[in-house]
Protein backbone atom coordinates (compact mmCIF):
# COMPACT_ATOMS: atom_id res chain seq x y z
CA MET A 1 35.26 132.21 51.19
CA VAL A 2 38.33 131.51 53.36
CA ASP A 3 38.59 133.07 56.82
CA PHE A 4 42.21 134.26 56.57
CA LEU A 5 41.94 136.68 59.49
CA LYS A 6 41.19 133.84 61.89
CA TYR A 7 44.92 133.10 61.98
CA ARG A 8 46.08 136.70 62.48
CA LEU A 9 47.96 135.77 65.70
CA VAL A 10 49.90 133.12 63.77
CA TYR A 11 50.91 135.76 61.20
CA LEU A 12 51.94 138.10 64.01
CA PHE A 13 54.06 135.42 65.69
CA LEU A 14 55.75 134.47 62.41
CA SER A 15 56.57 138.09 61.55
CA VAL A 16 57.91 138.87 65.03
CA LEU A 17 60.05 135.70 64.96
CA ILE A 18 61.64 136.49 61.58
CA ILE A 19 62.24 140.16 62.42
CA SER A 20 63.72 139.19 65.82
CA PHE A 21 66.33 136.97 64.13
CA GLY A 22 67.20 139.84 61.82
CA VAL A 23 67.45 142.45 64.58
CA PHE A 24 69.63 140.07 66.61
CA SER A 25 71.95 139.63 63.64
CA ILE A 26 72.19 143.40 63.05
CA ALA A 27 72.96 144.05 66.73
CA LYS A 28 75.51 141.24 67.04
CA TRP A 29 77.24 141.08 63.65
CA GLY A 30 76.12 144.14 61.70
CA TYR A 31 77.11 144.31 58.02
CA ARG A 32 80.09 144.21 55.73
CA TYR A 33 80.13 147.48 53.79
CA SER A 34 81.45 147.98 50.29
CA ILE A 35 83.73 150.86 49.38
CA ASP A 36 80.65 152.73 48.14
CA PHE A 37 79.87 153.46 51.79
CA VAL A 38 83.13 153.41 53.76
CA GLY A 39 85.59 154.53 51.11
CA GLY A 40 88.74 152.71 50.03
CA THR A 41 90.34 150.91 47.12
CA ASN A 42 88.95 147.70 45.66
CA LEU A 43 91.57 145.76 43.66
CA GLU A 44 91.47 142.49 41.75
CA PHE A 45 94.70 141.11 40.26
CA LEU A 46 95.11 138.15 37.93
CA PHE A 47 98.48 136.37 38.10
CA SER A 48 99.98 134.27 35.31
CA LYS A 49 100.48 131.38 37.73
CA LYS A 50 99.19 130.10 41.07
CA ILE A 51 100.17 132.34 43.99
CA ASP A 52 101.18 131.68 47.59
CA LYS A 53 99.38 133.52 50.38
CA THR A 54 102.57 134.01 52.44
CA GLU A 55 104.21 135.88 49.54
CA ILE A 56 101.20 138.15 49.21
CA GLU A 57 101.22 138.87 52.95
CA LYS A 58 104.90 139.88 52.76
CA VAL A 59 104.12 142.53 50.13
CA ILE A 60 101.11 143.78 52.10
CA LYS A 61 103.26 144.08 55.22
CA LYS A 62 105.96 145.92 53.29
CA HIS A 63 103.49 148.51 51.98
CA LYS A 64 101.78 148.76 55.41
CA LEU A 65 98.34 148.26 53.87
CA GLU A 66 95.28 148.18 56.13
CA ILE A 67 93.41 145.28 54.55
CA VAL A 68 89.64 145.23 54.98
CA PHE A 69 89.05 142.09 52.92
CA LEU A 70 91.41 139.64 51.21
CA GLU A 71 90.63 136.56 49.14
CA ILE A 72 92.92 134.35 47.04
CA GLN A 73 91.41 132.05 44.40
CA ASN A 74 94.23 130.04 42.76
CA ASN A 75 95.87 132.74 40.60
CA ARG A 76 93.47 135.57 41.46
CA LEU A 77 93.90 138.08 44.29
CA ILE A 78 90.94 140.16 45.51
CA PHE A 79 91.36 142.64 48.33
CA LYS A 80 90.13 145.93 49.74
CA THR A 81 92.16 148.49 51.60
CA LYS A 82 92.17 152.15 52.53
CA PRO A 83 92.37 154.54 49.54
CA LEU A 84 95.51 154.12 47.39
CA ASP A 85 96.72 156.62 44.81
CA GLN A 86 97.92 155.63 41.33
CA LYS A 87 101.63 155.60 42.26
CA LYS A 88 101.13 153.34 45.29
CA GLU A 89 98.97 150.99 43.24
CA GLU A 90 101.63 150.73 40.50
CA LYS A 91 104.36 150.11 43.10
CA LEU A 92 102.22 147.43 44.73
CA LYS A 93 101.67 145.71 41.39
CA SER A 94 105.40 145.86 40.62
CA ASP A 95 106.38 144.32 43.97
CA LEU A 96 103.80 141.56 43.57
CA GLU A 97 105.25 140.69 40.16
CA LYS A 98 108.76 140.54 41.62
CA ILE A 99 107.97 138.35 44.64
CA THR A 100 105.64 135.97 42.81
CA LYS A 101 107.75 135.95 39.61
CA SER A 102 104.65 136.17 37.48
CA LYS A 103 102.90 138.72 35.31
CA VAL A 104 100.06 140.63 37.00
CA GLN A 105 96.96 141.85 35.15
CA VAL A 106 94.66 144.39 36.80
CA LEU A 107 91.06 143.15 36.49
CA LYS A 108 89.46 145.75 38.75
CA SER A 109 90.59 148.99 40.33
CA GLU A 110 88.06 151.18 42.15
CA THR A 111 88.79 153.97 44.59
CA VAL A 112 86.14 155.84 46.56
CA GLY A 113 86.88 158.48 49.19
CA PRO A 114 85.15 158.35 52.59
CA THR A 115 83.44 161.70 51.86
CA LEU A 116 81.64 160.19 48.85
CA GLY A 117 80.68 157.20 51.02
CA LYS A 118 79.01 159.46 53.61
CA GLU A 119 77.23 161.33 50.82
CA THR A 120 75.90 158.02 49.48
CA ILE A 121 74.48 157.07 52.89
CA LYS A 122 72.87 160.50 53.23
CA LYS A 123 71.23 160.30 49.80
CA THR A 124 70.01 156.77 50.49
CA ILE A 125 68.27 157.84 53.71
CA ILE A 126 66.71 160.89 52.02
CA ALA A 127 65.46 158.75 49.11
CA SER A 128 63.86 156.24 51.51
CA VAL A 129 62.14 158.94 53.58
CA LEU A 130 60.81 160.71 50.45
CA ALA A 131 59.48 157.40 49.11
CA ILE A 132 57.63 156.67 52.36
CA LEU A 133 56.18 160.19 52.56
CA GLY A 134 55.12 160.04 48.91
CA ILE A 135 53.30 156.74 49.43
CA LEU A 136 51.66 158.05 52.63
CA VAL A 137 50.33 161.18 50.90
CA TYR A 138 49.22 159.33 47.79
CA MET A 139 47.33 156.59 49.62
CA THR A 140 45.70 159.04 52.02
CA PHE A 141 44.43 161.03 49.05
CA ALA A 142 43.46 158.01 46.92
CA PHE A 143 41.60 156.12 49.68
CA LYS A 144 40.34 159.25 51.46
CA GLY A 145 41.54 157.91 54.81
CA ILE A 146 44.74 157.77 56.81
CA THR A 147 44.11 154.22 58.09
CA TYR A 148 44.71 152.67 54.65
CA ALA A 149 47.94 154.62 54.23
CA LEU A 150 49.23 153.79 57.73
CA SER A 151 48.47 150.09 57.26
CA ALA A 152 50.38 150.02 53.97
CA ILE A 153 53.34 151.91 55.48
CA LEU A 154 53.53 149.55 58.48
CA ALA A 155 53.45 146.53 56.16
CA MET A 156 56.20 148.15 54.10
CA LEU A 157 58.21 148.72 57.29
CA HIS A 158 57.72 145.02 58.08
CA ASP A 159 59.18 144.08 54.68
CA PHE A 160 62.05 146.53 55.16
CA LEU A 161 62.98 144.97 58.51
CA VAL A 162 62.78 141.44 57.11
CA VAL A 163 65.05 142.33 54.17
CA ILE A 164 67.72 144.22 56.12
CA GLY A 165 67.69 141.60 58.89
CA SER A 166 68.03 138.74 56.42
CA TYR A 167 70.84 140.56 54.62
CA SER A 168 72.74 140.95 57.88
CA LEU A 169 72.64 137.15 58.27
CA ILE A 170 73.75 136.68 54.65
CA SER A 171 76.50 139.26 55.18
CA HIS A 172 77.81 137.42 58.25
CA PHE A 173 77.63 133.85 56.95
CA PHE A 174 78.23 134.32 53.20
CA GLY A 175 80.20 137.57 52.94
CA ALA A 176 77.57 139.75 51.21
CA GLU A 177 78.34 143.45 51.23
CA VAL A 178 76.07 146.46 51.59
CA ASP A 179 76.45 148.38 48.33
CA MET A 180 74.31 150.44 45.95
CA LEU A 181 72.76 147.28 44.50
CA PHE A 182 71.51 146.40 47.97
CA VAL A 183 69.98 149.87 48.32
CA THR A 184 68.28 149.41 44.94
CA ALA A 185 66.88 146.04 46.04
CA VAL A 186 65.51 147.51 49.30
CA LEU A 187 63.76 150.41 47.53
CA THR A 188 62.34 147.98 44.94
CA THR A 189 60.99 145.76 47.75
CA MET A 190 59.27 148.76 49.35
CA SER A 191 57.46 149.62 46.11
CA PHE A 192 56.49 145.98 45.43
CA SER A 193 55.02 145.63 48.91
CA VAL A 194 52.68 148.60 48.46
CA HIS A 195 51.71 147.57 44.92
CA ASP A 196 50.00 144.34 46.05
CA THR A 197 48.54 145.97 49.16
CA ILE A 198 46.73 148.63 47.11
CA VAL A 199 44.94 145.94 45.08
CA ILE A 200 43.54 144.30 48.24
CA PHE A 201 42.64 147.62 49.88
CA ASP A 202 40.83 148.78 46.74
CA LYS A 203 38.66 145.65 46.83
CA ILE A 204 37.82 146.20 50.51
CA ARG A 205 36.88 149.84 49.86
CA GLU A 206 34.71 148.80 46.93
CA TYR A 207 32.77 146.29 49.05
CA LEU A 208 32.29 148.79 51.88
CA LYS A 209 30.68 151.23 49.45
CA LYS A 210 28.32 148.74 47.79
CA GLU A 211 27.35 146.33 50.56
CA GLU A 212 26.60 146.24 54.26
CA GLY A 213 28.66 144.08 56.55
CA SER A 214 31.64 143.93 58.89
CA ILE A 215 35.18 144.91 57.91
CA ASP A 216 36.31 141.35 58.77
CA TYR A 217 33.89 139.88 56.23
CA PHE A 218 34.92 142.23 53.44
CA ALA A 219 38.64 141.76 54.18
CA ASN A 220 38.33 137.97 53.97
CA LYS A 221 36.28 138.28 50.79
CA ALA A 222 38.89 140.55 49.20
CA LEU A 223 41.73 138.23 50.20
CA THR A 224 39.92 135.18 48.84
CA GLU A 225 39.34 136.87 45.47
CA THR A 226 42.85 138.33 45.07
CA MET A 227 44.97 135.56 46.60
CA VAL A 228 45.33 133.42 43.47
CA ARG A 229 46.08 136.49 41.34
CA SER A 230 48.73 137.70 43.79
CA LEU A 231 50.40 134.29 44.01
CA ASN A 232 50.45 133.85 40.23
CA ASN A 233 51.93 137.31 39.79
CA SER A 234 54.59 136.76 42.45
CA MET A 235 55.55 133.25 41.31
CA THR A 236 56.46 134.52 37.83
CA ILE A 237 58.91 136.95 39.49
CA ILE A 238 60.20 134.35 41.96
CA PHE A 239 60.96 131.79 39.22
CA MET A 240 62.87 134.41 37.23
CA LEU A 241 64.89 135.46 40.29
CA LEU A 242 65.64 131.83 41.20
CA ALA A 243 67.01 131.30 37.70
CA LEU A 244 69.26 134.34 38.13
CA VAL A 245 70.46 133.12 41.54
CA LEU A 246 71.40 129.71 40.08
CA MET A 247 72.69 130.79 36.66
CA GLY A 248 73.60 134.47 37.08
CA GLY A 249 77.07 135.81 37.81
CA SER A 250 78.55 136.29 41.26
CA THR A 251 78.50 140.08 40.81
CA ILE A 252 74.71 140.30 41.03
CA ARG A 253 73.99 137.15 43.08
CA PHE A 254 73.42 138.86 46.44
CA PHE A 255 71.42 141.62 44.74
CA VAL A 256 69.10 138.98 43.22
CA ILE A 257 68.84 137.11 46.54
CA THR A 258 67.79 140.36 48.23
CA LEU A 259 65.14 140.92 45.57
CA LEU A 260 63.96 137.33 46.04
CA ILE A 261 63.59 137.80 49.80
CA GLY A 262 61.81 141.11 49.19
CA THR A 263 59.40 139.55 46.70
CA ILE A 264 58.49 136.70 49.06
CA THR A 265 58.01 138.94 52.09
CA GLY A 266 56.12 141.50 49.98
CA THR A 267 53.74 138.79 48.75
CA TYR A 268 53.24 137.62 52.35
CA SER A 269 52.83 141.04 53.99
CA SER A 270 50.03 142.39 51.79
CA PRO A 271 47.39 139.83 52.86
CA PHE A 272 48.79 138.75 56.23
CA VAL A 273 50.27 141.96 57.67
CA ALA A 274 48.71 144.98 55.95
CA THR A 275 45.14 143.64 55.88
CA PRO A 276 44.93 142.58 59.58
CA ILE A 277 46.40 145.99 60.55
CA LEU A 278 43.79 147.78 58.42
CA VAL A 279 40.97 145.76 60.01
CA TRP A 280 42.30 146.63 63.48
CA PHE A 281 42.54 150.33 62.60
CA GLU A 282 39.02 150.41 61.12
CA LYS A 283 37.51 148.69 64.18
CA ARG A 284 39.16 151.21 66.50
CA LYS A 285 37.98 154.10 64.35
CA ASN A 286 34.40 152.81 64.37
CA LYS A 287 34.45 152.45 68.16
């Protein structure tokens, strides 16, 4: 049997270090938000020939567009601006064709109002709170004790902070945007974190019922028996996500990277965050 809990201070230091980097990034740089959250028009034009950035800027200046994001890739123009109606969009396309002397094909045109963006944020927060409350109630009922539920929730909060902090760094350095796919990845990470934690907690509860001994002993025993299973289970997911990161399209790349970070931190937090917290709670309760 391996004494995993002997290194609990190392786990604490590692978690605090990673979360600190993330919190620093959120405070200093924040995020880049997609139009799902802030509202606006997302346009992608394909030109029949290579385009010049100065020509594009002239048209943007003429239409007095407030550009949030602009990227030119050879003969492709991608940009985001405040909401445009159909007439303004058609006029913009026409002027671009005239100044660049090339045919323009619309590859993407999405418009979301700021009201819908606020509604999306509100629903996201409500969904997260309901998920946490549901897990808290379920685990309290299933394990007949609040300490198991609180330990799982705190470990889930740990994973949440790691994911949103890491995404802030990715957003700043690689241009990732907060969109509905990111929200989906965060909620998936929260469920994955609790899934593995319940397996370990169930083993600990089983030992406490059948045998006599300290909570430290039973926690280490449970971790030793479930560690290989947890790693095997997680590695199958990690390999699949790595393949998607390398071979998948750019549309879902940051979504897959977020899931990959969530899977790794979820695998780590169950034995090295949730279990030490549970042991600490149980010792305090016994005292």
